[in-house]
Amino acid sequence: MNSVIHSPLFGLLLTLASYRLGQWLYSRSHHHPLLHPLLVAAVPVSTILLLVNLDYEAYLRQTSLLHFLLGPATVALAWPLYRQLRSIRNVWQPVLVTTAVGAVLTVAIALLIAWLLAAPGEVLASLATKSITTPIAIETATLIGGYASLAAGIVAITGITGALAAPPVFRWLRITDDRVRGFTLGLVAHAIGTARAFEYSERAGAFASLALGLTGLLTALVLPWVWQGLP
């Protein structure tokens, strides 16, 4: 049994089976936000890892293939971007301004709250990457002295929270423009928000993909440089 638990396929198959269960429940519930596949999949994965006493580092090694595929999956989002290129060209100035302001605010607010709660520097460094997609967040957090595992967890929590909170906020503010809804989800909730945006429309998904890429690029380039100048 021990050899099965520590085999490279254990974590991979556990993750895929849990996510498939999450997809099934999400579909059966008519896309209820509280039954988002990532939220559901986290329950059996974390429970089984605790039961078999498998630490996170070992699980991360077993699922390295999935982490590798995150990169190509992110690049594949260029296709819906290309299909919406004309719409994006018409609003490129607001897009750039919103990306810069949004990326700064998401980092600043999280760091301010954590700093007021006396969080250590490693936690602050991990929190700073909360609104960029997982592969970029892990590398950036490690580069500025954070914890890769904590960064990955925070990114997942941020994405799920954003995907859950966005629809009622959009209804409350009466936001119906798919460009705005998509860009907001991609900027705040990265890949999980982008998946949620595609449920609205291809246009929303394209603008979410754009926000995801621009926010990740800006944060990865600027954050390490700014972090070095902090006291």
Protein backbone atom coordinates (compact mmCIF):
# COMPACT_ATOMS: atom_id res chain seq x y z
CA MET A 1 0.00 0.00 0.00
CA ASN A 2 2.83 2.38 0.87
CA SER A 3 4.40 1.86 -2.56
CA VAL A 4 1.09 2.77 -4.24
CA ILE A 5 0.73 5.98 -2.20
CA HIS A 6 4.25 7.12 -3.06
CA SER A 7 4.05 6.16 -6.73
CA PRO A 8 4.06 9.01 -9.29
CA LEU A 9 0.53 8.14 -10.43
CA PHE A 10 -1.18 8.34 -7.04
CA GLY A 11 -1.42 12.12 -6.75
CA LEU A 12 -2.10 12.52 -10.46
CA LEU A 13 -5.02 10.07 -10.52
CA LEU A 14 -6.39 11.42 -7.23
CA THR A 15 -6.41 14.96 -8.61
CA LEU A 16 -8.01 14.02 -11.93
CA ALA A 17 -10.69 11.85 -10.28
CA SER A 18 -11.51 14.56 -7.72
CA TYR A 19 -11.78 17.22 -10.40
CA ARG A 20 -13.99 14.98 -12.53
CA LEU A 21 -16.26 14.54 -9.50
CA GLY A 22 -16.31 18.30 -9.09
CA GLN A 23 -17.26 18.80 -12.74
CA TRP A 24 -20.11 16.31 -12.42
CA LEU A 25 -21.52 17.97 -9.30
CA TYR A 26 -21.11 21.43 -10.86
CA SER A 27 -23.04 20.35 -13.93
CA ARG A 28 -25.76 18.61 -11.92
CA SER A 29 -26.24 21.71 -9.77
CA HIS A 30 -26.67 23.89 -12.88
CA HIS A 31 -23.36 25.66 -12.19
CA HIS A 32 -24.02 26.62 -8.60
CA PRO A 33 -21.02 28.77 -7.54
CA LEU A 34 -20.55 26.96 -4.23
CA LEU A 35 -20.03 23.71 -6.14
CA HIS A 36 -17.26 25.00 -8.40
CA PRO A 37 -15.10 22.02 -9.52
CA LEU A 38 -11.93 23.35 -7.87
CA LEU A 39 -13.74 23.95 -4.60
CA VAL A 40 -15.27 20.46 -4.63
CA ALA A 41 -12.07 18.73 -5.78
CA ALA A 42 -10.07 20.22 -2.91
CA VAL A 43 -12.15 18.29 -0.36
CA PRO A 44 -11.36 14.67 -1.39
CA VAL A 45 -7.76 15.57 -2.29
CA SER A 46 -6.97 17.18 1.06
CA THR A 47 -8.91 14.53 3.01
CA ILE A 48 -7.14 11.60 1.35
CA LEU A 49 -3.72 13.23 1.66
CA LEU A 50 -4.30 13.60 5.39
CA LEU A 51 -5.57 10.04 5.75
CA VAL A 52 -2.57 8.50 3.96
CA ASN A 53 -0.13 10.96 5.58
CA LEU A 54 1.29 12.21 2.27
CA ASP A 55 2.98 15.60 2.60
CA TYR A 56 2.51 18.46 0.16
CA GLU A 57 6.01 18.25 -1.35
CA ALA A 58 5.46 14.60 -2.31
CA TYR A 59 2.02 15.39 -3.73
CA LEU A 60 3.49 18.28 -5.71
CA ARG A 61 6.07 15.97 -7.27
CA GLN A 62 3.37 13.46 -8.19
CA THR A 63 1.33 16.15 -9.95
CA SER A 64 4.28 17.83 -11.70
CA LEU A 65 2.79 16.91 -15.09
CA LEU A 66 -0.31 18.97 -14.35
CA HIS A 67 1.83 21.92 -13.29
CA PHE A 68 3.78 21.62 -16.53
CA LEU A 69 0.56 21.60 -18.57
CA LEU A 70 -0.61 24.83 -16.92
CA GLY A 71 1.87 26.71 -19.10
CA PRO A 72 0.61 25.40 -22.47
CA ALA A 73 -2.98 25.77 -21.28
CA THR A 74 -2.36 29.43 -20.50
CA VAL A 75 -0.74 29.97 -23.91
CA ALA A 76 -3.76 28.33 -25.59
CA LEU A 77 -5.87 31.22 -24.32
CA ALA A 78 -4.31 33.26 -27.13
CA TRP A 79 -6.85 31.76 -29.56
CA PRO A 80 -9.97 33.43 -28.11
CA LEU A 81 -7.88 36.60 -27.78
CA TYR A 82 -7.14 36.49 -31.49
CA ARG A 83 -10.82 36.02 -32.31
CA GLN A 84 -11.66 39.15 -30.27
CA LEU A 85 -8.70 41.20 -31.48
CA ARG A 86 -10.83 43.93 -33.04
CA SER A 87 -12.76 44.50 -29.82
CA ILE A 88 -9.55 44.63 -27.82
CA ARG A 89 -7.95 47.16 -30.16
CA ASN A 90 -10.85 49.53 -29.60
CA VAL A 91 -10.26 49.67 -25.83
CA TRP A 92 -6.51 49.13 -25.47
CA GLN A 93 -5.95 52.34 -23.46
CA PRO A 94 -8.54 51.58 -20.73
CA VAL A 95 -7.23 48.01 -20.66
CA LEU A 96 -3.66 49.09 -19.93
CA VAL A 97 -4.70 51.63 -17.28
CA THR A 98 -7.04 49.16 -15.58
CA THR A 99 -4.36 46.47 -15.56
CA ALA A 100 -1.81 48.76 -13.92
CA VAL A 101 -4.22 50.11 -11.29
CA GLY A 102 -5.83 46.73 -10.61
CA ALA A 103 -2.55 44.85 -10.29
CA VAL A 104 -1.21 47.40 -7.80
CA LEU A 105 -4.39 47.47 -5.74
CA THR A 106 -4.74 43.69 -5.46
CA VAL A 107 -1.20 43.41 -4.10
CA ALA A 108 -1.33 46.53 -1.90
CA ILE A 109 -4.62 45.68 -0.18
CA ALA A 110 -3.57 42.11 0.62
CA LEU A 111 -0.18 43.22 1.94
CA LEU A 112 -1.67 46.03 4.03
CA ILE A 113 -4.14 43.71 5.75
CA ALA A 114 -1.47 41.05 6.37
CA TRP A 115 1.00 43.66 7.65
CA LEU A 116 -1.59 45.05 10.08
CA LEU A 117 -2.06 41.49 11.35
CA ALA A 118 1.72 41.23 11.89
CA ALA A 119 2.28 38.52 9.28
CA PRO A 120 5.94 37.51 8.80
CA GLY A 121 7.87 38.50 5.69
CA GLU A 122 7.61 35.08 4.07
CA VAL A 123 3.82 35.18 4.31
CA LEU A 124 3.73 38.70 2.90
CA ALA A 125 5.86 37.58 -0.04
CA SER A 126 3.52 34.68 -0.69
CA LEU A 127 0.42 36.90 -0.46
CA ALA A 128 1.83 39.36 -2.96
CA THR A 129 1.33 36.82 -5.75
CA LYS A 130 -2.30 36.00 -4.93
CA SER A 131 -3.88 37.36 -8.12
CA ILE A 132 -1.62 35.85 -10.76
CA THR A 133 -1.90 32.37 -12.20
CA THR A 134 -0.27 29.48 -10.33
CA PRO A 135 2.91 28.82 -12.41
CA ILE A 136 3.88 32.50 -12.34
CA ALA A 137 2.89 32.88 -8.68
CA ILE A 138 5.04 29.96 -7.53
CA GLU A 139 8.13 31.20 -9.33
CA THR A 140 7.62 34.82 -8.29
CA ALA A 141 6.94 33.95 -4.64
CA THR A 142 10.09 31.81 -4.49
CA LEU A 143 12.11 34.61 -6.09
CA ILE A 144 11.08 37.20 -3.48
CA GLY A 145 11.42 34.89 -0.49
CA GLY A 146 7.93 33.44 -0.12
CA TYR A 147 6.71 29.87 0.18
CA ALA A 148 5.74 28.13 -3.06
CA SER A 149 3.16 25.90 -1.34
CA LEU A 150 1.55 28.84 0.47
CA ALA A 151 1.49 30.90 -2.72
CA ALA A 152 -0.23 28.08 -4.60
CA GLY A 153 -2.86 27.75 -1.88
CA ILE A 154 -3.49 31.49 -1.71
CA VAL A 155 -3.83 31.67 -5.50
CA ALA A 156 -6.44 28.89 -5.44
CA ILE A 157 -8.40 30.54 -2.60
CA THR A 158 -8.29 33.90 -4.37
CA GLY A 159 -9.53 32.41 -7.62
CA ILE A 160 -12.37 30.50 -6.03
CA THR A 161 -13.42 33.49 -3.92
CA GLY A 162 -13.37 35.75 -6.97
CA ALA A 163 -15.41 33.31 -9.05
CA LEU A 164 -17.97 33.03 -6.24
CA ALA A 165 -18.20 36.73 -5.42
CA ALA A 166 -18.17 38.20 -8.93
CA PRO A 167 -21.67 37.19 -10.18
CA PRO A 168 -23.61 38.80 -7.29
CA VAL A 169 -21.36 41.88 -7.47
CA PHE A 170 -22.04 42.19 -11.20
CA ARG A 171 -25.78 41.91 -10.56
CA TRP A 172 -25.64 44.43 -7.73
CA LEU A 173 -23.72 46.95 -9.85
CA ARG A 174 -25.82 46.08 -12.94
CA ILE A 175 -22.75 45.25 -15.01
CA THR A 176 -23.82 43.46 -18.17
CA ASP A 177 -20.93 44.23 -20.53
CA ASP A 178 -19.06 40.96 -21.11
CA ARG A 179 -15.82 42.85 -21.68
CA VAL A 180 -15.98 44.36 -18.19
CA ARG A 181 -17.11 41.15 -16.52
CA GLY A 182 -14.43 39.10 -18.23
CA PHE A 183 -11.59 41.53 -17.63
CA THR A 184 -12.53 41.88 -13.96
CA LEU A 185 -12.58 38.12 -13.43
CA GLY A 186 -9.25 37.62 -15.17
CA LEU A 187 -7.55 40.43 -13.27
CA VAL A 188 -8.79 39.49 -9.82
CA ALA A 189 -9.32 35.74 -10.03
CA HIS A 190 -6.76 34.70 -12.71
CA ALA A 191 -7.28 31.26 -14.32
CA ILE A 192 -10.27 30.25 -12.20
CA GLY A 193 -11.94 33.57 -12.95
CA THR A 194 -11.13 33.12 -16.63
CA ALA A 195 -12.87 29.74 -16.66
CA ARG A 196 -15.86 31.38 -15.01
CA ALA A 197 -15.80 34.17 -17.61
CA PHE A 198 -16.08 31.68 -20.47
CA GLU A 199 -19.42 30.63 -18.97
CA TYR A 200 -20.71 34.11 -19.82
CA SER A 201 -19.44 34.20 -23.41
CA GLU A 202 -16.36 33.84 -25.59
CA ARG A 203 -15.89 37.62 -25.48
CA ALA A 204 -15.87 37.60 -21.68
CA GLY A 205 -13.39 34.71 -21.73
CA ALA A 206 -11.13 36.53 -24.18
CA PHE A 207 -10.99 39.66 -22.04
CA ALA A 208 -10.41 37.53 -18.94
CA SER A 209 -7.51 35.82 -20.73
CA LEU A 210 -6.09 39.22 -21.61
CA ALA A 211 -6.32 40.42 -18.01
CA LEU A 212 -4.77 37.19 -16.73
CA GLY A 213 -1.79 37.50 -19.06
CA LEU A 214 -1.19 41.23 -18.56
CA THR A 215 -1.54 41.06 -14.78
CA GLY A 216 0.76 38.06 -14.54
CA LEU A 217 3.37 39.68 -16.79
CA LEU A 218 3.28 43.02 -14.98
CA THR A 219 3.45 41.44 -11.53
CA ALA A 220 6.26 39.04 -12.44
CA LEU A 221 8.36 41.85 -13.92
CA VAL A 222 7.72 44.61 -11.39
CA LEU A 223 7.13 42.84 -8.05
CA PRO A 224 10.65 41.37 -7.59
CA TRP A 225 12.17 44.76 -8.42
CA VAL A 226 9.88 46.62 -5.99
CA TRP A 227 10.31 43.98 -3.30
CA GLN A 228 14.06 44.51 -3.19
CA GLY A 229 13.51 48.18 -2.34
CA LEU A 230 11.15 47.49 0.57
CA PRO A 231 12.54 47.82 4.11
